[in-house]
PDB file of all heavy atoms in Angstrom:
ATOM      1  N   ALA A   1      23.306 -11.099  23.755  1.00  0.00           N
ATOM      2  CA  ALA A   1      24.132 -10.546  22.672  1.00  0.00           C
ATOM      3  C   ALA A   1      23.582 -10.947  21.308  1.00  0.00           C
ATOM      4  O   ALA A   1      23.625 -10.156  20.360  1.00  0.00           O
ATOM      5  CB  ALA A   1      25.575 -11.007  22.826  1.00  0.00           C
ATOM      6  N   LYS A   2      23.053 -12.155  21.207  1.00  0.00           N
ATOM      7  CA  LYS A   2      22.502 -12.616  19.923  1.00  0.00           C
ATOM      8  C   LYS A   2      21.244 -11.835  19.567  1.00  0.00           C
ATOM      9  O   LYS A   2      21.035 -11.466  18.410  1.00  0.00           O
ATOM     10  CB  LYS A   2      22.198 -14.110  19.998  1.00  0.00           C
ATOM     11  CG  LYS A   2      23.426 -14.989  20.169  1.00  0.00           C
ATOM     12  CD  LYS A   2      23.038 -16.458  20.297  1.00  0.00           C
ATOM     13  CE  LYS A   2      24.252 -17.334  20.511  1.00  0.00           C
ATOM     14  NZ  LYS A   2      23.879 -18.766  20.688  1.00  0.00           N
ATOM     15  N   VAL A   3      20.413 -11.570  20.572  1.00  0.00           N
ATOM     16  CA  VAL A   3      19.201 -10.794  20.315  1.00  0.00           C
ATOM     17  C   VAL A   3      19.561  -9.372  19.903  1.00  0.00           C
ATOM     18  O   VAL A   3      18.985  -8.806  18.965  1.00  0.00           O
ATOM     19  CB  VAL A   3      18.298 -10.787  21.560  1.00  0.00           C
ATOM     20  CG1 VAL A   3      17.121  -9.839  21.356  1.00  0.00           C
ATOM     21  CG2 VAL A   3      17.792 -12.183  21.868  1.00  0.00           C
ATOM     22  N   ARG A   4      20.540  -8.797  20.607  1.00  0.00           N
ATOM     23  CA  ARG A   4      20.947  -7.430  20.279  1.00  0.00           C
ATOM     24  C   ARG A   4      21.548  -7.352  18.882  1.00  0.00           C
ATOM     25  O   ARG A   4      21.278  -6.408  18.125  1.00  0.00           O
ATOM     26  CB  ARG A   4      21.956  -6.941  21.322  1.00  0.00           C
ATOM     27  CG  ARG A   4      22.419  -5.508  21.116  1.00  0.00           C
ATOM     28  CD  ARG A   4      23.505  -5.158  22.125  1.00  0.00           C
ATOM     29  NE  ARG A   4      24.015  -3.807  21.975  1.00  0.00           N
ATOM     30  CZ  ARG A   4      25.096  -3.342  22.584  1.00  0.00           C
ATOM     31  NH1 ARG A   4      25.782  -4.147  23.406  1.00  0.00           N
ATOM     32  NH2 ARG A   4      25.509  -2.103  22.384  1.00  0.00           N
ATOM     33  N   GLU A   5      22.321  -8.348  18.502  1.00  0.00           N
ATOM     34  CA  GLU A   5      22.932  -8.369  17.169  1.00  0.00           C
ATOM     35  C   GLU A   5      21.873  -8.480  16.076  1.00  0.00           C
ATOM     36  O   GLU A   5      21.987  -7.864  15.020  1.00  0.00           O
ATOM     37  CB  GLU A   5      23.902  -9.547  17.068  1.00  0.00           C
ATOM     38  CG  GLU A   5      24.601  -9.646  15.719  1.00  0.00           C
ATOM     39  CD  GLU A   5      25.448 -10.894  15.603  1.00  0.00           C
ATOM     40  OE1 GLU A   5      25.352 -11.778  16.475  1.00  0.00           O
ATOM     41  OE2 GLU A   5      26.201 -10.998  14.615  1.00  0.00           O
ATOM     42  N   ASN A   6      20.838  -9.289  16.328  1.00  0.00           N
ATOM     43  CA  ASN A   6      19.715  -9.431  15.394  1.00  0.00           C
ATOM     44  C   ASN A   6      20.200  -9.794  13.993  1.00  0.00           C
ATOM     45  O   ASN A   6      19.790  -9.195  12.984  1.00  0.00           O
ATOM     46  CB  ASN A   6      18.890  -8.140  15.352  1.00  0.00           C
ATOM     47  CG  ASN A   6      17.529  -8.349  14.723  1.00  0.00           C
ATOM     48  OD1 ASN A   6      16.996  -9.451  14.736  1.00  0.00           O
ATOM     49  ND2 ASN A   6      16.970  -7.288  14.158  1.00  0.00           N
ATOM     50  N   ALA A   7      21.081 -10.783  13.926  1.00  0.00           N
ATOM     51  CA  ALA A   7      21.651 -11.189  12.645  1.00  0.00           C
ATOM     52  C   ALA A   7      20.608 -11.892  11.783  1.00  0.00           C
ATOM     53  O   ALA A   7      19.694 -12.546  12.297  1.00  0.00           O
ATOM     54  CB  ALA A   7      22.847 -12.117  12.876  1.00  0.00           C
ATOM     55  N   PRO A   8      20.718 -11.784  10.453  1.00  0.00           N
ATOM     56  CA  PRO A   8      19.780 -12.491   9.568  1.00  0.00           C
ATOM     57  C   PRO A   8      19.863 -14.003   9.766  1.00  0.00           C
ATOM     58  O   PRO A   8      20.929 -14.557  10.058  1.00  0.00           O
ATOM     59  CB  PRO A   8      20.250 -12.092   8.170  1.00  0.00           C
ATOM     60  CG  PRO A   8      21.053 -10.844   8.363  1.00  0.00           C
ATOM     61  CD  PRO A   8      21.681 -10.969   9.716  1.00  0.00           C
ATOM     62  N   ASN A   9      18.734 -14.655   9.601  1.00  0.00           N
ATOM     63  CA  ASN A   9      18.658 -16.126   9.671  1.00  0.00           C
ATOM     64  C   ASN A   9      19.141 -16.685  11.000  1.00  0.00           C
ATOM     65  O   ASN A   9      19.659 -17.799  11.062  1.00  0.00           O
ATOM     66  CB  ASN A   9      19.457 -16.762   8.520  1.00  0.00           C
ATOM     67  CG  ASN A   9      18.969 -16.288   7.163  1.00  0.00           C
ATOM     68  OD1 ASN A   9      17.777 -16.223   6.914  1.00  0.00           O
ATOM     69  ND2 ASN A   9      19.909 -15.945   6.291  1.00  0.00           N
ATOM     70  N   GLN A  10      19.004 -15.896  12.046  1.00  0.00           N
ATOM     71  CA  GLN A  10      19.383 -16.366  13.384  1.00  0.00           C
ATOM     72  C   GLN A  10      18.283 -15.968  14.362  1.00  0.00           C
ATOM     73  O   GLN A  10      17.999 -14.790  14.542  1.00  0.00           O
ATOM     74  CB  GLN A  10      20.712 -15.736  13.816  1.00  0.00           C
ATOM     75  CG  GLN A  10      21.108 -16.060  15.258  1.00  0.00           C
ATOM     76  CD  GLN A  10      22.401 -15.384  15.660  1.00  0.00           C
ATOM     77  OE1 GLN A  10      23.481 -15.861  15.357  1.00  0.00           O
ATOM     78  NE2 GLN A  10      22.305 -14.245  16.343  1.00  0.00           N
ATOM     79  N   HIS A  11      17.665 -16.969  14.965  1.00  0.00           N
ATOM     80  CA  HIS A  11      16.597 -16.668  15.928  1.00  0.00           C
ATOM     81  C   HIS A  11      16.946 -17.298  17.262  1.00  0.00           C
ATOM     82  O   HIS A  11      16.778 -18.508  17.452  1.00  0.00           O
ATOM     83  CB  HIS A  11      15.251 -17.203  15.444  1.00  0.00           C
ATOM     84  CG  HIS A  11      14.119 -16.836  16.365  1.00  0.00           C
ATOM     85  ND1 HIS A  11      13.790 -17.575  17.482  1.00  0.00           N
ATOM     86  CD2 HIS A  11      13.260 -15.790  16.358  1.00  0.00           C
ATOM     87  CE1 HIS A  11      12.777 -17.007  18.113  1.00  0.00           C
ATOM     88  NE2 HIS A  11      12.437 -15.920  17.446  1.00  0.00           N
ATOM     89  N   PRO A  12      17.437 -16.515  18.215  1.00  0.00           N
ATOM     90  CA  PRO A  12      17.738 -17.078  19.536  1.00  0.00           C
ATOM     91  C   PRO A  12      16.449 -17.454  20.265  1.00  0.00           C
ATOM     92  O   PRO A  12      15.372 -16.902  20.003  1.00  0.00           O
ATOM     93  CB  PRO A  12      18.451 -15.932  20.263  1.00  0.00           C
ATOM     94  CG  PRO A  12      18.836 -14.965  19.191  1.00  0.00           C
ATOM     95  CD  PRO A  12      17.818 -15.113  18.117  1.00  0.00           C
ATOM     96  N   TYR A  13      16.562 -18.381  21.189  1.00  0.00           N
ATOM     97  CA  TYR A  13      15.426 -18.814  21.996  1.00  0.00           C
ATOM     98  C   TYR A  13      15.726 -18.576  23.462  1.00  0.00           C
ATOM     99  O   TYR A  13      16.851 -18.758  23.919  1.00  0.00           O
ATOM    100  CB  TYR A  13      15.129 -20.298  21.762  1.00  0.00           C
ATOM    101  CG  TYR A  13      14.624 -20.589  20.370  1.00  0.00           C
ATOM    102  CD1 TYR A  13      15.512 -20.909  19.347  1.00  0.00           C
ATOM    103  CD2 TYR A  13      13.268 -20.532  20.078  1.00  0.00           C
ATOM    104  CE1 TYR A  13      15.058 -21.175  18.067  1.00  0.00           C
ATOM    105  CE2 TYR A  13      12.802 -20.794  18.803  1.00  0.00           C
ATOM    106  CZ  TYR A  13      13.704 -21.114  17.801  1.00  0.00           C
ATOM    107  OH  TYR A  13      13.242 -21.366  16.534  1.00  0.00           O
ATOM    108  N   GLY A  14      14.702 -18.181  24.211  1.00  0.00           N
ATOM    109  CA  GLY A  14      14.853 -17.926  25.633  1.00  0.00           C
ATOM    110  C   GLY A  14      13.852 -18.707  26.442  1.00  0.00           C
ATOM    111  O   GLY A  14      13.917 -19.931  26.537  1.00  0.00           O
ATOM    112  N   VAL A  15      12.884 -18.006  27.038  1.00  0.00           N
ATOM    113  CA  VAL A  15      11.805 -18.658  27.788  1.00  0.00           C
ATOM    114  C   VAL A  15      10.687 -18.901  26.776  1.00  0.00           C
ATOM    115  O   VAL A  15       9.745 -18.127  26.631  1.00  0.00           O
ATOM    116  CB  VAL A  15      11.334 -17.775  28.966  1.00  0.00           C
ATOM    117  CG1 VAL A  15      10.284 -18.515  29.793  1.00  0.00           C
ATOM    118  CG2 VAL A  15      12.528 -17.403  29.853  1.00  0.00           C
ATOM    119  N   ASP A  16      10.803 -20.024  26.068  1.00  0.00           N
ATOM    120  CA  ASP A  16      10.069 -20.249  24.827  1.00  0.00           C
ATOM    121  C   ASP A  16       8.892 -21.212  25.006  1.00  0.00           C
ATOM    122  O   ASP A  16       8.563 -21.963  24.094  1.00  0.00           O
ATOM    123  CB  ASP A  16      11.044 -20.793  23.772  1.00  0.00           C
ATOM    124  CG  ASP A  16      10.428 -20.912  22.386  1.00  0.00           C
ATOM    125  OD1 ASP A  16       9.648 -20.025  22.017  1.00  0.00           O
ATOM    126  OD2 ASP A  16      10.728 -21.899  21.692  1.00  0.00           O
ATOM    127  N   ASN A  17       8.276 -21.231  26.177  1.00  0.00           N
ATOM    128  CA  ASN A  17       7.133 -22.124  26.373  1.00  0.00           C
ATOM    129  C   ASN A  17       6.119 -21.439  27.285  1.00  0.00           C
ATOM    130  O   ASN A  17       6.441 -20.479  27.993  1.00  0.00           O
ATOM    131  CB  ASN A  17       7.571 -23.457  26.982  1.00  0.00           C
ATOM    132  CG  ASN A  17       6.709 -24.611  26.520  1.00  0.00           C
ATOM    133  OD1 ASN A  17       5.732 -24.436  25.793  1.00  0.00           O
ATOM    134  ND2 ASN A  17       7.055 -25.819  26.937  1.00  0.00           N
ATOM    135  N   SER A  18       4.903 -21.938  27.274  1.00  0.00           N
ATOM    136  CA  SER A  18       3.843 -21.328  28.063  1.00  0.00           C
ATOM    137  C   SER A  18       4.056 -21.573  29.552  1.00  0.00           C
ATOM    138  O   SER A  18       4.359 -22.702  29.963  1.00  0.00           O
ATOM    139  CB  SER A  18       2.486 -21.901  27.645  1.00  0.00           C
ATOM    140  OG  SER A  18       2.223 -21.628  26.284  1.00  0.00           O
ATOM    141  N   PRO A  19       3.896 -20.543  30.377  1.00  0.00           N
ATOM    142  CA  PRO A  19       4.030 -20.731  31.829  1.00  0.00           C
ATOM    143  C   PRO A  19       2.875 -21.551  32.379  1.00  0.00           C
ATOM    144  O   PRO A  19       1.758 -21.501  31.872  1.00  0.00           O
ATOM    145  CB  PRO A  19       4.015 -19.305  32.379  1.00  0.00           C
ATOM    146  CG  PRO A  19       3.324 -18.495  31.333  1.00  0.00           C
ATOM    147  CD  PRO A  19       3.608 -19.147  30.019  1.00  0.00           C
ATOM    148  N   ILE A  20       3.158 -22.291  33.436  1.00  0.00           N
ATOM    149  CA  ILE A  20       2.152 -23.086  34.149  1.00  0.00           C
ATOM    150  C   ILE A  20       2.069 -22.573  35.582  1.00  0.00           C
ATOM    151  O   ILE A  20       3.101 -22.341  36.224  1.00  0.00           O
ATOM    152  CB  ILE A  20       2.518 -24.585  34.138  1.00  0.00           C
ATOM    153  CG1 ILE A  20       2.557 -25.115  32.693  1.00  0.00           C
ATOM    154  CG2 ILE A  20       1.533 -25.389  34.973  1.00  0.00           C
ATOM    155  CD1 ILE A  20       1.234 -25.066  31.963  1.00  0.00           C
ATOM    156  N   ILE A  21       0.854 -22.407  36.079  1.00  0.00           N
ATOM    157  CA  ILE A  21       0.640 -21.867  37.423  1.00  0.00           C
ATOM    158  C   ILE A  21      -0.075 -22.900  38.291  1.00  0.00           C
ATOM    159  O   ILE A  21      -1.074 -23.491  37.871  1.00  0.00           O
ATOM    160  CB  ILE A  21      -0.216 -20.583  37.394  1.00  0.00           C
ATOM    161  CG1 ILE A  21       0.283 -19.602  36.321  1.00  0.00           C
ATOM    162  CG2 ILE A  21      -0.240 -19.931  38.770  1.00  0.00           C
ATOM    163  CD1 ILE A  21       1.588 -18.957  36.606  1.00  0.00           C
ATOM    164  N   TYR A  22       0.441 -23.118  39.485  1.00  0.00           N
ATOM    165  CA  TYR A  22      -0.264 -23.910  40.500  1.00  0.00           C
ATOM    166  C   TYR A  22      -0.771 -22.943  41.555  1.00  0.00           C
ATOM    167  O   TYR A  22      -0.006 -22.134  42.095  1.00  0.00           O
ATOM    168  CB  TYR A  22       0.652 -24.948  41.147  1.00  0.00           C
ATOM    169  CG  TYR A  22       0.057 -25.588  42.384  1.00  0.00           C
ATOM    170  CD1 TYR A  22      -0.898 -26.593  42.270  1.00  0.00           C
ATOM    171  CD2 TYR A  22       0.416 -25.160  43.660  1.00  0.00           C
ATOM    172  CE1 TYR A  22      -1.477 -27.168  43.393  1.00  0.00           C
ATOM    173  CE2 TYR A  22      -0.149 -25.729  44.790  1.00  0.00           C
ATOM    174  CZ  TYR A  22      -1.090 -26.735  44.652  1.00  0.00           C
ATOM    175  OH  TYR A  22      -1.665 -27.291  45.772  1.00  0.00           O
ATOM    176  N   VAL A  23      -2.075 -22.989  41.838  1.00  0.00           N
ATOM    177  CA  VAL A  23      -2.689 -22.084  42.818  1.00  0.00           C
ATOM    178  C   VAL A  23      -3.364 -22.912  43.903  1.00  0.00           C
ATOM    179  O   VAL A  23      -4.087 -23.873  43.614  1.00  0.00           O
ATOM    180  CB  VAL A  23      -3.720 -21.149  42.139  1.00  0.00           C
ATOM    181  CG1 VAL A  23      -4.468 -20.345  43.188  1.00  0.00           C
ATOM    182  CG2 VAL A  23      -3.021 -20.218  41.156  1.00  0.00           C
ATOM    183  N   ASP A  24      -3.142 -22.533  45.167  1.00  0.00           N
ATOM    184  CA  ASP A  24      -3.768 -23.192  46.314  1.00  0.00           C
ATOM    185  C   ASP A  24      -4.376 -22.121  47.210  1.00  0.00           C
ATOM    186  O   ASP A  24      -3.671 -21.438  47.952  1.00  0.00           O
ATOM    187  CB  ASP A  24      -2.723 -24.015  47.082  1.00  0.00           C
ATOM    188  CG  ASP A  24      -3.313 -24.717  48.294  1.00  0.00           C
ATOM    189  OD1 ASP A  24      -4.544 -24.893  48.332  1.00  0.00           O
ATOM    190  OD2 ASP A  24      -2.534 -25.100  49.190  1.00  0.00           O
ATOM    191  N   ASP A  25      -5.687 -21.957  47.101  1.00  0.00           N
ATOM    192  CA  ASP A  25      -6.432 -21.008  47.933  1.00  0.00           C
ATOM    193  C   ASP A  25      -6.894 -21.776  49.173  1.00  0.00           C
ATOM    194  O   ASP A  25      -7.974 -22.351  49.205  1.00  0.00           O
ATOM    195  CB  ASP A  25      -7.619 -20.465  47.139  1.00  0.00           C
ATOM    196  CG  ASP A  25      -8.440 -19.431  47.905  1.00  0.00           C
ATOM    197  OD1 ASP A  25      -8.023 -19.061  49.022  1.00  0.00           O
ATOM    198  OD2 ASP A  25      -9.505 -19.037  47.404  1.00  0.00           O
ATOM    199  N   VAL A  26      -6.074 -21.777  50.219  1.00  0.00           N
ATOM    200  CA  VAL A  26      -6.290 -22.685  51.349  1.00  0.00           C
ATOM    201  C   VAL A  26      -7.595 -22.428  52.080  1.00  0.00           C
ATOM    202  O   VAL A  26      -8.205 -23.354  52.641  1.00  0.00           O
ATOM    203  CB  VAL A  26      -5.098 -22.628  52.341  1.00  0.00           C
ATOM    204  CG1 VAL A  26      -3.839 -23.153  51.687  1.00  0.00           C
ATOM    205  CG2 VAL A  26      -4.888 -21.225  52.878  1.00  0.00           C
ATOM    206  N   ASP A  27      -8.043 -21.160  52.125  1.00  0.00           N
ATOM    207  CA  ASP A  27      -9.285 -20.874  52.844  1.00  0.00           C
ATOM    208  C   ASP A  27     -10.483 -20.722  51.902  1.00  0.00           C
ATOM    209  O   ASP A  27     -11.577 -20.358  52.336  1.00  0.00           O
ATOM    210  CB  ASP A  27      -9.144 -19.620  53.715  1.00  0.00           C
ATOM    211  CG  ASP A  27      -8.585 -18.434  52.938  1.00  0.00           C
ATOM    212  OD1 ASP A  27      -8.478 -18.534  51.698  1.00  0.00           O
ATOM    213  OD2 ASP A  27      -8.250 -17.419  53.578  1.00  0.00           O
ATOM    214  N   ASP A  28     -10.272 -20.993  50.614  1.00  0.00           N
ATOM    215  CA  ASP A  28     -11.355 -20.981  49.620  1.00  0.00           C
ATOM    216  C   ASP A  28     -12.159 -19.684  49.646  1.00  0.00           C
ATOM    217  O   ASP A  28     -13.387 -19.694  49.470  1.00  0.00           O
ATOM    218  CB  ASP A  28     -12.300 -22.173  49.840  1.00  0.00           C
ATOM    219  CG  ASP A  28     -11.643 -23.505  49.530  1.00  0.00           C
ATOM    220  OD1 ASP A  28     -10.854 -23.547  48.575  1.00  0.00           O
ATOM    221  OD2 ASP A  28     -11.904 -24.483  50.245  1.00  0.00           O
ATOM    222  N   ASP A  29     -11.484 -18.556  49.836  1.00  0.00           N
ATOM    223  CA  ASP A  29     -12.218 -17.287  49.862  1.00  0.00           C
ATOM    224  C   ASP A  29     -12.138 -16.546  48.531  1.00  0.00           C
ATOM    225  O   ASP A  29     -12.625 -15.419  48.410  1.00  0.00           O
ATOM    226  CB  ASP A  29     -11.708 -16.395  50.995  1.00  0.00           C
ATOM    227  CG  ASP A  29     -10.258 -15.964  50.810  1.00  0.00           C
ATOM    228  OD1 ASP A  29      -9.599 -16.479  49.878  1.00  0.00           O
ATOM    229  OD2 ASP A  29      -9.782 -15.124  51.599  1.00  0.00           O
ATOM    230  N   GLY A  30     -11.507 -17.172  47.537  1.00  0.00           N
ATOM    231  CA  GLY A  30     -11.421 -16.554  46.224  1.00  0.00           C
ATOM    232  C   GLY A  30     -10.309 -15.546  46.076  1.00  0.00           C
ATOM    233  O   GLY A  30     -10.143 -14.957  45.004  1.00  0.00           O
ATOM    234  N   THR A  31      -9.535 -15.326  47.131  1.00  0.00           N
ATOM    235  CA  THR A  31      -8.414 -14.385  47.090  1.00  0.00           C
ATOM    236  C   THR A  31      -7.123 -15.126  47.389  1.00  0.00           C
ATOM    237  O   THR A  31      -7.062 -15.909  48.352  1.00  0.00           O
ATOM    238  CB  THR A  31      -8.608 -13.252  48.114  1.00  0.00           C
ATOM    239  OG1 THR A  31      -9.759 -12.488  47.740  1.00  0.00           O
ATOM    240  CG2 THR A  31      -7.393 -12.330  48.161  1.00  0.00           C
ATOM    241  N   ILE A  32      -6.112 -14.910  46.569  1.00  0.00           N
ATOM    242  CA  ILE A  32      -4.798 -15.513  46.804  1.00  0.00           C
ATOM    243  C   ILE A  32      -3.970 -14.520  47.601  1.00  0.00           C
ATOM    244  O   ILE A  32      -3.442 -13.540  47.068  1.00  0.00           O
ATOM    245  CB  ILE A  32      -4.111 -15.868  45.477  1.00  0.00           C
ATOM    246  CG1 ILE A  32      -5.006 -16.761  44.619  1.00  0.00           C
ATOM    247  CG2 ILE A  32      -2.769 -16.552  45.749  1.00  0.00           C
ATOM    248  CD1 ILE A  32      -5.470 -18.026  45.316  1.00  0.00           C
ATOM    249  N   ASN A  33      -3.889 -14.776  48.903  1.00  0.00           N
ATOM    250  CA  ASN A  33      -3.203 -13.886  49.834  1.00  0.00           C
ATOM    251  C   ASN A  33      -2.151 -14.691  50.573  1.00  0.00           C
ATOM    252  O   ASN A  33      -2.477 -15.588  51.353  1.00  0.00           O
ATOM    253  CB  ASN A  33      -4.215 -13.282  50.811  1.00  0.00           C
ATOM    254  CG  ASN A  33      -3.607 -12.196  51.683  1.00  0.00           C
ATOM    255  OD1 ASN A  33      -2.394 -12.168  51.900  1.00  0.00           O
ATOM    256  ND2 ASN A  33      -4.440 -11.302  52.183  1.00  0.00           N
ATOM    257  N   ALA A  34      -0.890 -14.366  50.331  1.00  0.00           N
ATOM    258  CA  ALA A  34       0.197 -15.111  50.977  1.00  0.00           C
ATOM    259  C   ALA A  34       0.099 -15.042  52.492  1.00  0.00           C
ATOM    260  O   ALA A  34       0.497 -15.973  53.191  1.00  0.00           O
ATOM    261  CB  ALA A  34       1.545 -14.569  50.511  1.00  0.00           C
ATOM    262  N   GLY A  35      -0.457 -13.946  53.030  1.00  0.00           N
ATOM    263  CA  GLY A  35      -0.617 -13.808  54.472  1.00  0.00           C
ATOM    264  C   GLY A  35      -1.578 -14.811  55.067  1.00  0.00           C
ATOM    265  O   GLY A  35      -1.519 -15.098  56.266  1.00  0.00           O
ATOM    266  N   ASP A  36      -2.475 -15.364  54.247  1.00  0.00           N
ATOM    267  CA  ASP A  36      -3.408 -16.393  54.715  1.00  0.00           C
ATOM    268  C   ASP A  36      -2.884 -17.802  54.481  1.00  0.00           C
ATOM    269  O   ASP A  36      -3.588 -18.780  54.735  1.00  0.00           O
ATOM    270  CB  ASP A  36      -4.752 -16.249  53.983  1.00  0.00           C
ATOM    271  CG  ASP A  36      -5.462 -14.951  54.321  1.00  0.00           C
ATOM    272  OD1 ASP A  36      -5.159 -14.381  55.382  1.00  0.00           O
ATOM    273  OD2 ASP A  36      -6.310 -14.518  53.520  1.00  0.00           O
ATOM    274  N   GLY A  37      -1.665 -17.903  53.957  1.00  0.00           N
ATOM    275  CA  GLY A  37      -1.114 -19.218  53.637  1.00  0.00           C
ATOM    276  C   GLY A  37      -1.431 -19.680  52.233  1.00  0.00           C
ATOM    277  O   GLY A  37      -1.092 -20.810  51.857  1.00  0.00           O
ATOM    278  N   ASP A  38      -2.097 -18.828  51.432  1.00  0.00           N
ATOM    279  CA  ASP A  38      -2.380 -19.188  50.044  1.00  0.00           C
ATOM    280  C   ASP A  38      -1.076 -19.233  49.249  1.00  0.00           C
ATOM    281  O   ASP A  38      -0.107 -18.527  49.557  1.00  0.00           O
ATOM    282  CB  ASP A  38      -3.335 -18.177  49.411  1.00  0.00           C
ATOM    283  CG  ASP A  38      -4.672 -18.110  50.126  1.00  0.00           C
ATOM    284  OD1 ASP A  38      -5.058 -19.123  50.745  1.00  0.00           O
ATOM    285  OD2 ASP A  38      -5.314 -17.040  50.072  1.00  0.00           O
ATOM    286  N   ARG A  39      -1.099 -20.027  48.181  1.00  0.00           N
ATOM    287  CA  ARG A  39       0.129 -20.225  47.415  1.00  0.00           C
ATOM    288  C   ARG A  39      -0.157 -20.101  45.925  1.00  0.00           C
ATOM    289  O   ARG A  39      -1.186 -20.573  45.430  1.00  0.00           O
ATOM    290  CB  ARG A  39       0.739 -21.596  47.713  1.00  0.00           C
ATOM    291  CG  ARG A  39       1.040 -21.824  49.182  1.00  0.00           C
ATOM    292  CD  ARG A  39       1.604 -23.197  49.442  1.00  0.00           C
ATOM    293  NE  ARG A  39       0.639 -24.269  49.202  1.00  0.00           N
ATOM    294  CZ  ARG A  39       0.889 -25.565  49.392  1.00  0.00           C
ATOM    295  NH1 ARG A  39       2.087 -25.941  49.820  1.00  0.00           N
ATOM    296  NH2 ARG A  39      -0.032 -26.478  49.161  1.00  0.00           N
ATOM    297  N   ALA A  40       0.781 -19.492  45.211  1.00  0.00           N
ATOM    298  CA  ALA A  40       0.768 -19.467  43.750  1.00  0.00           C
ATOM    299  C   ALA A  40       2.195 -19.699  43.286  1.00  0.00           C
ATOM    300  O   ALA A  40       3.095 -18.928  43.649  1.00  0.00           O
ATOM    301  CB  ALA A  40       0.232 -18.135  43.228  1.00  0.00           C
ATOM    302  N   TRP A  41       2.400 -20.769  42.534  1.00  0.00           N
ATOM    303  CA  TRP A  41       3.740 -21.139  42.073  1.00  0.00           C
ATOM    304  C   TRP A  41       3.769 -21.150  40.555  1.00  0.00           C
ATOM    305  O   TRP A  41       2.854 -21.647  39.894  1.00  0.00           O
ATOM    306  CB  TRP A  41       4.131 -22.513  42.622  1.00  0.00           C
ATOM    307  CG  TRP A  41       4.195 -22.556  44.121  1.00  0.00           C
ATOM    308  CD1 TRP A  41       4.399 -21.510  44.976  1.00  0.00           C
ATOM    309  CD2 TRP A  41       4.035 -23.715  44.951  1.00  0.00           C
ATOM    310  NE1 TRP A  41       4.402 -21.946  46.274  1.00  0.00           N
ATOM    311  CE2 TRP A  41       4.181 -23.292  46.307  1.00  0.00           C
ATOM    312  CE3 TRP A  41       3.804 -25.065  44.706  1.00  0.00           C
ATOM    313  CZ2 TRP A  41       4.090 -24.168  47.381  1.00  0.00           C
ATOM    314  CZ3 TRP A  41       3.715 -25.949  45.770  1.00  0.00           C
ATOM    315  CH2 TRP A  41       3.860 -25.503  47.102  1.00  0.00           C
ATOM    316  N   LEU A  42       4.846 -20.600  40.013  1.00  0.00           N
ATOM    317  CA  LEU A  42       5.018 -20.453  38.569  1.00  0.00           C
ATOM    318  C   LEU A  42       6.099 -21.411  38.083  1.00  0.00           C
ATOM    319  O   LEU A  42       7.186 -21.471  38.660  1.00  0.00           O
ATOM    320  CB  LEU A  42       5.421 -19.004  38.263  1.00  0.00           C
ATOM    321  CG  LEU A  42       5.970 -18.689  36.870  1.00  0.00           C
ATOM    322  CD1 LEU A  42       4.903 -18.914  35.800  1.00  0.00           C
ATOM    323  CD2 LEU A  42       6.496 -17.254  36.832  1.00  0.00           C
TER     324      LEU A  42
END
């Protein structure tokens, strides 16, 4: 509602930081495939 209102001198904050990714390519084939057990977490 605050973003939609867009009032002067008011800046709402949401997901206000850089995402971090953990990647585990279990078979080291260069492809992240969940079917192979590879993992990517955000």
